[in-house]
């Protein structure tokens, strides 16, 4: 029987203007199934951009919630953040 893939999602927060809070992007939520759907619904509701990257998702899922992204993932996350900033019309940020 084929395995049914449940949706997965993670949420990141990055507020560089508050360095004592977020010195780096922080994993603030993660989940599968209903929880993943809820994360995505809340993102849509609040205008938070969504980026689909299964490889990055697989790398972030094992991290603990409320953990800063480790330095070895900075480049991958920075590429995503830059793309989201450009998509939202903020190329200089």
N, C-alpha and C. Protein backbone atom coordinates (compact mmCIF):
# COMPACT_ATOMS: atom_id res chain seq x y z
N UNK A 1 0.85 -1.18 0.00
CA UNK A 1 0.00 0.00 0.00
C UNK A 1 0.89 1.24 0.00
N UNK A 2 0.62 2.22 -0.87
CA UNK A 2 1.46 3.43 -0.91
C UNK A 2 1.31 4.24 0.38
N UNK A 3 2.40 4.82 0.77
CA UNK A 3 2.42 5.66 1.97
C UNK A 3 1.79 7.02 1.65
N UNK A 4 0.88 7.46 2.48
CA UNK A 4 0.26 8.76 2.29
C UNK A 4 1.13 9.81 2.97
N UNK A 5 1.53 10.80 2.21
CA UNK A 5 2.40 11.86 2.72
C UNK A 5 1.55 12.93 3.37
N UNK A 6 1.78 13.13 4.67
CA UNK A 6 1.07 14.20 5.39
C UNK A 6 1.80 15.51 5.14
N UNK A 7 1.06 16.60 5.02
CA UNK A 7 1.73 17.89 4.82
C UNK A 7 2.60 18.24 6.03
N UNK A 8 3.71 18.89 5.77
CA UNK A 8 4.61 19.37 6.81
C UNK A 8 4.87 20.85 6.60
N UNK A 9 5.14 21.54 7.69
CA UNK A 9 5.45 22.97 7.58
C UNK A 9 6.31 23.39 8.76
N UNK A 10 7.12 24.40 8.52
CA UNK A 10 7.86 25.07 9.59
C UNK A 10 7.63 26.56 9.43
N UNK A 11 7.80 27.29 10.51
CA UNK A 11 7.67 28.75 10.46
C UNK A 11 8.94 29.35 11.06
N UNK A 12 9.45 30.35 10.37
CA UNK A 12 10.65 31.06 10.84
C UNK A 12 10.27 32.49 11.18
N UNK A 13 11.00 33.05 12.13
CA UNK A 13 10.88 34.47 12.46
C UNK A 13 12.28 35.05 12.39
N UNK A 14 12.35 36.25 11.82
CA UNK A 14 13.64 36.95 11.80
C UNK A 14 13.35 38.43 11.91
N UNK A 15 13.83 39.02 12.98
CA UNK A 15 13.67 40.45 13.23
C UNK A 15 15.04 41.04 13.52
N UNK A 16 15.79 41.35 12.46
CA UNK A 16 17.17 41.84 12.68
C UNK A 16 17.21 43.17 13.41
N UNK A 17 16.10 43.92 13.40
CA UNK A 17 16.08 45.20 14.11
C UNK A 17 16.01 45.00 15.62
N UNK A 18 15.79 43.77 16.07
CA UNK A 18 15.75 43.45 17.50
C UNK A 18 16.82 42.38 17.76
N UNK A 19 18.11 42.75 17.71
CA UNK A 19 19.18 41.76 17.75
C UNK A 19 19.21 40.90 19.02
N UNK A 20 18.78 41.44 20.14
CA UNK A 20 18.81 40.62 21.35
C UNK A 20 17.73 39.53 21.29
N UNK A 21 16.73 39.72 20.45
CA UNK A 21 15.66 38.74 20.30
C UNK A 21 16.01 37.72 19.21
N UNK A 22 16.42 38.21 18.07
CA UNK A 22 16.70 37.36 16.92
C UNK A 22 18.03 37.71 16.29
N UNK A 23 19.09 37.17 16.84
CA UNK A 23 20.41 37.37 16.24
C UNK A 23 20.52 36.61 14.92
N UNK A 24 19.64 35.65 14.73
CA UNK A 24 19.56 34.85 13.51
C UNK A 24 18.10 34.44 13.35
N UNK A 25 17.73 33.93 12.18
CA UNK A 25 16.36 33.43 12.05
C UNK A 25 16.10 32.35 13.11
N UNK A 26 14.87 32.30 13.57
CA UNK A 26 14.49 31.37 14.64
C UNK A 26 13.32 30.50 14.16
N UNK A 27 13.40 29.21 14.45
CA UNK A 27 12.30 28.30 14.16
C UNK A 27 11.24 28.51 15.23
N UNK A 28 10.06 28.98 14.85
CA UNK A 28 9.03 29.30 15.84
C UNK A 28 7.86 28.33 15.83
N UNK A 29 7.74 27.50 14.80
CA UNK A 29 6.68 26.51 14.77
C UNK A 29 7.04 25.43 13.76
N UNK A 30 6.53 24.23 14.02
CA UNK A 30 6.68 23.15 13.05
C UNK A 30 5.58 22.14 13.31
N UNK A 31 5.23 21.40 12.27
CA UNK A 31 4.21 20.38 12.47
C UNK A 31 3.92 19.63 11.20
N UNK A 32 3.14 18.56 11.37
CA UNK A 32 2.69 17.74 10.25
C UNK A 32 1.18 17.61 10.34
N UNK A 33 0.58 17.26 9.23
CA UNK A 33 -0.85 17.05 9.20
C UNK A 33 -1.63 18.30 9.54
N UNK A 34 -2.56 18.16 10.50
CA UNK A 34 -3.41 19.28 10.87
C UNK A 34 -2.59 20.49 11.34
N UNK A 35 -1.55 20.25 12.13
CA UNK A 35 -0.74 21.36 12.63
C UNK A 35 -0.06 22.10 11.47
N UNK A 36 0.44 21.37 10.48
CA UNK A 36 1.05 22.02 9.31
C UNK A 36 0.00 22.85 8.57
N UNK A 37 -1.19 22.29 8.41
CA UNK A 37 -2.26 23.05 7.75
C UNK A 37 -2.60 24.32 8.53
N UNK A 38 -2.59 24.23 9.84
CA UNK A 38 -2.89 25.40 10.69
C UNK A 38 -1.80 26.47 10.54
N UNK A 39 -0.53 26.04 10.52
CA UNK A 39 0.58 26.97 10.33
C UNK A 39 0.41 27.71 9.00
N UNK A 40 0.09 26.98 7.94
CA UNK A 40 -0.09 27.60 6.63
C UNK A 40 -1.32 28.51 6.60
N UNK A 41 -2.40 28.08 7.23
CA UNK A 41 -3.60 28.93 7.29
C UNK A 41 -3.32 30.25 8.00
N UNK A 42 -2.60 30.17 9.12
CA UNK A 42 -2.27 31.40 9.86
C UNK A 42 -1.35 32.31 9.04
N UNK A 43 -0.42 31.70 8.32
CA UNK A 43 0.46 32.50 7.46
C UNK A 43 -0.36 33.24 6.41
N UNK A 44 -1.26 32.53 5.75
CA UNK A 44 -2.13 33.18 4.75
C UNK A 44 -2.94 34.29 5.38
N UNK A 45 -3.55 34.00 6.52
CA UNK A 45 -4.43 34.97 7.18
C UNK A 45 -3.70 36.26 7.55
N UNK A 46 -2.43 36.14 7.93
CA UNK A 46 -1.66 37.30 8.40
C UNK A 46 -0.72 37.86 7.33
N UNK A 47 -0.85 37.38 6.11
CA UNK A 47 -0.02 37.91 5.02
C UNK A 47 1.45 37.53 5.11
N UNK A 48 1.74 36.44 5.78
CA UNK A 48 3.12 35.97 5.89
C UNK A 48 3.45 35.18 4.63
N UNK A 49 4.53 35.54 3.95
CA UNK A 49 4.87 34.83 2.72
C UNK A 49 5.22 33.36 2.99
N UNK A 50 4.87 32.52 2.04
CA UNK A 50 5.14 31.08 2.14
C UNK A 50 6.09 30.70 1.03
N UNK A 51 7.09 29.91 1.38
CA UNK A 51 8.07 29.43 0.41
C UNK A 51 8.10 27.92 0.52
N UNK A 52 7.95 27.24 -0.58
CA UNK A 52 7.95 25.77 -0.58
C UNK A 52 9.32 25.28 -1.04
N UNK A 53 10.02 24.57 -0.14
CA UNK A 53 11.33 24.01 -0.43
C UNK A 53 11.47 22.72 0.38
N UNK A 54 11.14 21.57 -0.23
CA UNK A 54 11.16 20.31 0.51
C UNK A 54 12.52 19.98 1.12
N UNK A 55 13.60 20.33 0.45
CA UNK A 55 14.93 20.03 1.00
C UNK A 55 15.21 20.86 2.25
N UNK A 56 14.89 22.15 2.21
CA UNK A 56 15.10 23.00 3.37
C UNK A 56 14.17 22.57 4.51
N UNK A 57 12.94 22.22 4.17
CA UNK A 57 12.00 21.74 5.18
C UNK A 57 12.56 20.51 5.89
N UNK A 58 13.09 19.57 5.13
CA UNK A 58 13.66 18.35 5.73
C UNK A 58 14.83 18.67 6.64
N UNK A 59 15.58 19.72 6.31
CA UNK A 59 16.72 20.12 7.13
C UNK A 59 16.28 20.83 8.40
N UNK A 60 15.20 21.59 8.33
CA UNK A 60 14.73 22.36 9.48
C UNK A 60 13.85 21.55 10.43
N UNK A 61 13.14 20.55 9.93
CA UNK A 61 12.22 19.79 10.77
C UNK A 61 12.84 19.17 12.02
N UNK A 62 14.05 18.67 11.97
CA UNK A 62 14.61 18.06 13.19
C UNK A 62 14.97 19.07 14.29
N UNK A 63 15.03 20.37 13.95
CA UNK A 63 15.40 21.38 14.95
C UNK A 63 14.31 21.54 15.99
N UNK A 64 14.69 21.93 17.18
CA UNK A 64 13.73 22.23 18.24
C UNK A 64 13.08 23.58 17.98
N UNK A 65 11.80 23.67 18.33
CA UNK A 65 11.09 24.94 18.22
C UNK A 65 11.72 25.95 19.18
N UNK A 66 11.76 27.18 18.75
CA UNK A 66 12.34 28.33 19.47
C UNK A 66 13.86 28.33 19.43
N UNK A 67 14.45 27.55 18.55
CA UNK A 67 15.90 27.51 18.40
C UNK A 67 16.33 28.42 17.26
N UNK A 68 17.44 29.12 17.47
CA UNK A 68 18.02 29.89 16.37
C UNK A 68 18.52 28.92 15.31
N UNK A 69 18.42 29.33 14.05
CA UNK A 69 18.92 28.50 12.97
C UNK A 69 20.43 28.38 13.12
N UNK A 70 20.97 27.17 13.05
CA UNK A 70 22.43 27.01 13.21
C UNK A 70 23.19 27.65 12.03
N UNK A 71 24.41 28.08 12.30
CA UNK A 71 25.20 28.77 11.27
C UNK A 71 25.33 28.01 9.95
N UNK A 72 25.38 26.69 9.98
CA UNK A 72 25.54 25.95 8.73
C UNK A 72 24.29 26.03 7.83
N UNK A 73 23.19 26.55 8.36
CA UNK A 73 21.98 26.73 7.55
C UNK A 73 21.72 28.18 7.18
N UNK A 74 22.58 29.10 7.64
CA UNK A 74 22.37 30.52 7.36
C UNK A 74 22.23 30.81 5.87
N UNK A 75 23.12 30.25 5.05
CA UNK A 75 23.09 30.57 3.62
C UNK A 75 21.78 30.12 2.98
N UNK A 76 21.34 28.91 3.28
CA UNK A 76 20.10 28.41 2.68
C UNK A 76 18.91 29.26 3.11
N UNK A 77 18.85 29.61 4.38
CA UNK A 77 17.74 30.43 4.88
C UNK A 77 17.83 31.85 4.33
N UNK A 78 19.04 32.38 4.20
CA UNK A 78 19.22 33.73 3.65
C UNK A 78 18.73 33.81 2.21
N UNK A 79 18.95 32.77 1.43
CA UNK A 79 18.47 32.75 0.04
C UNK A 79 16.95 32.82 0.01
N UNK A 80 16.31 32.07 0.90
CA UNK A 80 14.84 32.08 0.97
C UNK A 80 14.35 33.46 1.41
N UNK A 81 14.95 34.01 2.46
CA UNK A 81 14.53 35.33 2.95
C UNK A 81 14.70 36.39 1.88
N UNK A 82 15.81 36.35 1.16
CA UNK A 82 16.05 37.34 0.10
C UNK A 82 14.98 37.22 -0.99
N UNK A 83 14.64 36.00 -1.36
CA UNK A 83 13.60 35.81 -2.38
C UNK A 83 12.25 36.34 -1.89
N UNK A 84 11.95 36.11 -0.62
CA UNK A 84 10.68 36.60 -0.07
C UNK A 84 10.66 38.12 0.00
N UNK A 85 11.78 38.73 0.40
CA UNK A 85 11.84 40.19 0.43
C UNK A 85 11.61 40.77 -0.97
N UNK A 86 12.27 40.17 -1.98
CA UNK A 86 12.10 40.66 -3.36
C UNK A 86 10.66 40.49 -3.82
N UNK A 87 10.06 39.36 -3.50
CA UNK A 87 8.68 39.09 -3.91
C UNK A 87 7.70 40.09 -3.27
N UNK A 88 8.07 40.59 -2.10
CA UNK A 88 7.21 41.55 -1.40
C UNK A 88 7.58 42.99 -1.72
N UNK A 89 8.48 43.19 -2.66
CA UNK A 89 8.83 44.55 -3.08
C UNK A 89 9.77 45.25 -2.13
N UNK A 90 10.60 44.51 -1.38
CA UNK A 90 11.57 45.08 -0.46
C UNK A 90 12.99 44.64 -0.85
N UNK A 91 13.46 44.98 -2.05
CA UNK A 91 14.76 44.47 -2.51
C UNK A 91 15.95 44.93 -1.69
N UNK A 92 15.84 46.04 -0.99
CA UNK A 92 16.98 46.56 -0.24
C UNK A 92 17.13 45.98 1.14
N UNK A 93 16.18 45.17 1.57
CA UNK A 93 16.24 44.64 2.94
C UNK A 93 16.96 43.33 2.97
